[in-house]
Amino acid sequence: MPQNRSCLTDHVCARIVPIFSSLDTAGLLEVSSLIEHREYQRGELLFSQGDAGNYLYIVRFGRIKLYTVSGFSRRPPANN
């Protein structure tokens, strides 16, 4: 599926993310080499509670809803 990119290169995209903004060009190039572009559909599950934290998700468009699971109920986190 083709990606709709508004940034010219991944390292330019990485620079606008606050946690990467202070990196020099070499650092940005290193981070950008790890970037994978993904598109998700509304309601699609990205990860589940208890999954290993192998990825950092950066949302360019849209939003993510987070829920915690307790027994048989699903509810938003208390600080939401």
N, C-alpha and C. Protein backbone atom coordinates (compact mmCIF):
# COMPACT_ATOMS: atom_id res chain seq x y z
N MET A 1 0.84 -1.16 0.00
CA MET A 1 0.00 0.00 0.00
C MET A 1 0.90 1.24 0.00
N PRO A 2 0.72 2.19 -0.93
CA PRO A 2 1.56 3.38 -0.97
C PRO A 2 1.32 4.26 0.25
N GLN A 3 2.37 4.89 0.70
CA GLN A 3 2.29 5.75 1.87
C GLN A 3 2.14 7.20 1.44
N ASN A 4 1.30 7.95 2.14
CA ASN A 4 1.14 9.37 1.88
C ASN A 4 2.09 10.11 2.81
N ARG A 5 3.18 10.59 2.29
CA ARG A 5 4.19 11.24 3.12
C ARG A 5 4.20 12.73 2.86
N SER A 6 4.20 13.52 3.93
CA SER A 6 4.30 14.96 3.79
C SER A 6 5.72 15.44 4.05
N CYS A 7 6.57 14.60 4.61
CA CYS A 7 7.97 14.94 4.85
C CYS A 7 8.79 14.46 3.67
N LEU A 8 9.83 15.22 3.33
CA LEU A 8 10.67 14.82 2.21
C LEU A 8 11.49 13.58 2.52
N THR A 9 12.01 13.48 3.73
CA THR A 9 12.80 12.32 4.12
C THR A 9 12.45 11.95 5.56
N ASP A 10 12.77 10.73 5.93
CA ASP A 10 12.47 10.28 7.30
C ASP A 10 13.21 11.10 8.34
N HIS A 11 14.45 11.53 8.05
CA HIS A 11 15.17 12.30 9.08
C HIS A 11 14.56 13.68 9.27
N VAL A 12 13.92 14.25 8.24
CA VAL A 12 13.20 15.52 8.41
C VAL A 12 11.97 15.27 9.27
N CYS A 13 11.27 14.17 9.03
CA CYS A 13 10.11 13.82 9.85
C CYS A 13 10.51 13.61 11.31
N ALA A 14 11.63 12.93 11.53
CA ALA A 14 12.10 12.67 12.89
C ALA A 14 12.43 13.96 13.62
N ARG A 15 12.96 14.95 12.90
CA ARG A 15 13.35 16.21 13.53
C ARG A 15 12.16 16.94 14.16
N ILE A 16 10.95 16.78 13.61
CA ILE A 16 9.80 17.50 14.16
C ILE A 16 9.19 16.81 15.38
N VAL A 17 9.66 15.61 15.71
CA VAL A 17 9.21 14.92 16.92
C VAL A 17 10.05 15.44 18.08
N PRO A 18 9.40 16.02 19.11
CA PRO A 18 10.15 16.69 20.18
C PRO A 18 11.29 15.87 20.79
N ILE A 19 11.13 14.57 21.01
CA ILE A 19 12.21 13.81 21.65
C ILE A 19 13.43 13.65 20.75
N PHE A 20 13.29 13.90 19.45
CA PHE A 20 14.42 13.79 18.52
C PHE A 20 14.94 15.15 18.07
N SER A 21 14.30 16.24 18.47
CA SER A 21 14.61 17.57 17.92
C SER A 21 16.02 18.05 18.21
N SER A 22 16.65 17.58 19.28
CA SER A 22 18.00 18.05 19.61
C SER A 22 19.10 17.20 18.99
N LEU A 23 18.74 16.15 18.26
CA LEU A 23 19.76 15.30 17.63
C LEU A 23 20.42 16.02 16.46
N ASP A 24 21.70 15.74 16.25
CA ASP A 24 22.37 16.26 15.06
C ASP A 24 21.98 15.40 13.85
N THR A 25 22.46 15.78 12.68
CA THR A 25 22.09 15.07 11.45
C THR A 25 22.44 13.59 11.51
N ALA A 26 23.61 13.26 12.06
CA ALA A 26 24.01 11.84 12.16
C ALA A 26 23.04 11.07 13.04
N GLY A 27 22.65 11.66 14.16
CA GLY A 27 21.68 11.02 15.05
C GLY A 27 20.32 10.85 14.40
N LEU A 28 19.88 11.88 13.67
CA LEU A 28 18.60 11.80 12.97
C LEU A 28 18.63 10.73 11.88
N LEU A 29 19.76 10.61 11.20
CA LEU A 29 19.88 9.58 10.17
C LEU A 29 19.83 8.19 10.79
N GLU A 30 20.43 8.04 11.97
CA GLU A 30 20.39 6.75 12.66
C GLU A 30 18.97 6.40 13.06
N VAL A 31 18.26 7.38 13.64
CA VAL A 31 16.86 7.15 14.03
C VAL A 31 16.02 6.86 12.79
N SER A 32 16.22 7.62 11.73
CA SER A 32 15.39 7.44 10.53
C SER A 32 15.60 6.08 9.88
N SER A 33 16.76 5.47 10.10
CA SER A 33 17.00 4.14 9.52
C SER A 33 16.12 3.08 10.19
N LEU A 34 15.56 3.41 11.36
CA LEU A 34 14.72 2.48 12.10
C LEU A 34 13.23 2.71 11.88
N ILE A 35 12.88 3.78 11.17
CA ILE A 35 11.47 4.15 10.98
C ILE A 35 10.80 3.19 10.01
N GLU A 36 9.63 2.72 10.41
CA GLU A 36 8.76 1.92 9.54
C GLU A 36 7.43 2.66 9.46
N HIS A 37 7.00 2.98 8.26
CA HIS A 37 5.71 3.65 8.07
C HIS A 37 4.61 2.61 8.04
N ARG A 38 3.59 2.86 8.84
CA ARG A 38 2.44 1.95 8.91
C ARG A 38 1.17 2.77 8.89
N GLU A 39 0.14 2.21 8.31
CA GLU A 39 -1.19 2.81 8.37
C GLU A 39 -2.11 1.83 9.07
N TYR A 40 -2.96 2.35 9.93
CA TYR A 40 -3.91 1.52 10.67
C TYR A 40 -5.31 2.02 10.40
N GLN A 41 -6.26 1.11 10.42
CA GLN A 41 -7.66 1.46 10.22
C GLN A 41 -8.30 1.76 11.57
N ARG A 42 -9.36 2.55 11.54
CA ARG A 42 -10.09 2.87 12.76
C ARG A 42 -10.51 1.58 13.47
N GLY A 43 -10.24 1.52 14.76
CA GLY A 43 -10.60 0.37 15.57
C GLY A 43 -9.59 -0.76 15.56
N GLU A 44 -8.55 -0.63 14.76
CA GLU A 44 -7.53 -1.67 14.67
C GLU A 44 -6.66 -1.67 15.93
N LEU A 45 -6.35 -2.84 16.44
CA LEU A 45 -5.54 -2.99 17.65
C LEU A 45 -4.06 -2.90 17.30
N LEU A 46 -3.34 -2.00 17.97
CA LEU A 46 -1.90 -1.86 17.75
C LEU A 46 -1.11 -2.78 18.66
N PHE A 47 -1.50 -2.86 19.92
CA PHE A 47 -0.85 -3.73 20.88
C PHE A 47 -1.80 -3.97 22.04
N SER A 48 -1.49 -4.99 22.83
CA SER A 48 -2.33 -5.34 23.97
C SER A 48 -1.56 -5.15 25.27
N GLN A 49 -2.30 -4.95 26.34
CA GLN A 49 -1.71 -4.81 27.65
C GLN A 49 -0.85 -6.04 27.94
N GLY A 50 0.39 -5.81 28.36
CA GLY A 50 1.30 -6.90 28.67
C GLY A 50 2.23 -7.28 27.53
N ASP A 51 1.98 -6.76 26.32
CA ASP A 51 2.89 -7.02 25.19
C ASP A 51 4.25 -6.42 25.48
N ALA A 52 5.29 -7.03 24.93
CA ALA A 52 6.64 -6.47 25.05
C ALA A 52 6.68 -5.12 24.34
N GLY A 53 7.40 -4.17 24.91
CA GLY A 53 7.52 -2.83 24.32
C GLY A 53 8.63 -2.77 23.29
N ASN A 54 8.40 -3.36 22.14
CA ASN A 54 9.44 -3.42 21.11
C ASN A 54 9.43 -2.23 20.16
N TYR A 55 8.41 -1.38 20.24
CA TYR A 55 8.27 -0.29 19.27
C TYR A 55 7.94 1.02 19.97
N LEU A 56 8.27 2.11 19.30
CA LEU A 56 7.84 3.45 19.69
C LEU A 56 6.90 3.91 18.60
N TYR A 57 5.67 4.22 18.95
CA TYR A 57 4.69 4.66 17.97
C TYR A 57 4.67 6.18 17.93
N ILE A 58 4.81 6.74 16.75
CA ILE A 58 4.71 8.18 16.54
C ILE A 58 3.51 8.39 15.63
N VAL A 59 2.50 9.07 16.12
CA VAL A 59 1.27 9.27 15.37
C VAL A 59 1.37 10.56 14.58
N ARG A 60 1.37 10.45 13.26
CA ARG A 60 1.42 11.63 12.40
C ARG A 60 0.04 12.20 12.15
N PHE A 61 -0.95 11.34 11.99
CA PHE A 61 -2.32 11.77 11.72
C PHE A 61 -3.26 10.90 12.54
N GLY A 62 -4.32 11.51 13.05
CA GLY A 62 -5.31 10.74 13.80
C GLY A 62 -5.01 10.70 15.28
N ARG A 63 -5.56 9.71 15.94
CA ARG A 63 -5.36 9.57 17.38
C ARG A 63 -5.46 8.11 17.79
N ILE A 64 -5.00 7.85 18.99
CA ILE A 64 -5.02 6.50 19.54
C ILE A 64 -5.79 6.54 20.86
N LYS A 65 -6.64 5.57 21.07
CA LYS A 65 -7.33 5.42 22.35
C LYS A 65 -6.64 4.30 23.12
N LEU A 66 -6.34 4.57 24.38
CA LEU A 66 -5.70 3.58 25.25
C LEU A 66 -6.70 3.07 26.27
N TYR A 67 -6.68 1.78 26.49
CA TYR A 67 -7.55 1.16 27.48
C TYR A 67 -6.73 0.21 28.34
N THR A 68 -7.17 0.05 29.58
CA THR A 68 -6.60 -0.98 30.44
C THR A 68 -7.66 -2.07 30.60
N VAL A 69 -7.21 -3.28 30.82
CA VAL A 69 -8.12 -4.41 30.95
C VAL A 69 -8.04 -4.92 32.38
N SER A 70 -9.19 -5.08 33.00
CA SER A 70 -9.26 -5.60 34.37
C SER A 70 -10.41 -6.60 34.42
N GLY A 71 -10.08 -7.85 34.55
CA GLY A 71 -11.13 -8.87 34.53
C GLY A 71 -11.79 -8.91 33.17
N PHE A 72 -13.10 -8.67 33.15
CA PHE A 72 -13.83 -8.71 31.88
C PHE A 72 -14.21 -7.32 31.39
N SER A 73 -13.75 -6.27 32.06
CA SER A 73 -14.12 -4.92 31.63
C SER A 73 -12.96 -4.24 30.92
N ARG A 74 -13.32 -3.35 30.03
CA ARG A 74 -12.33 -2.57 29.31
C ARG A 74 -12.65 -1.11 29.59
N ARG A 75 -11.67 -0.37 30.09
CA ARG A 75 -11.94 1.03 30.44
C ARG A 75 -10.72 1.89 30.13
N PRO A 76 -10.96 3.20 29.89
CA PRO A 76 -9.83 4.10 29.68
C PRO A 76 -9.01 4.23 30.95
N PRO A 77 -7.71 4.56 30.83
CA PRO A 77 -6.89 4.77 32.02
C PRO A 77 -7.47 5.87 32.91
N ALA A 78 -7.19 5.81 34.20
CA ALA A 78 -7.75 6.75 35.16
C ALA A 78 -7.38 8.19 34.88
N ASN A 79 -6.21 8.45 34.30
CA ASN A 79 -5.79 9.84 34.08
C ASN A 79 -6.29 10.40 32.76
N ASN A 80 -7.13 9.70 32.04
CA ASN A 80 -7.63 10.16 30.74
C ASN A 80 -8.83 11.05 30.90
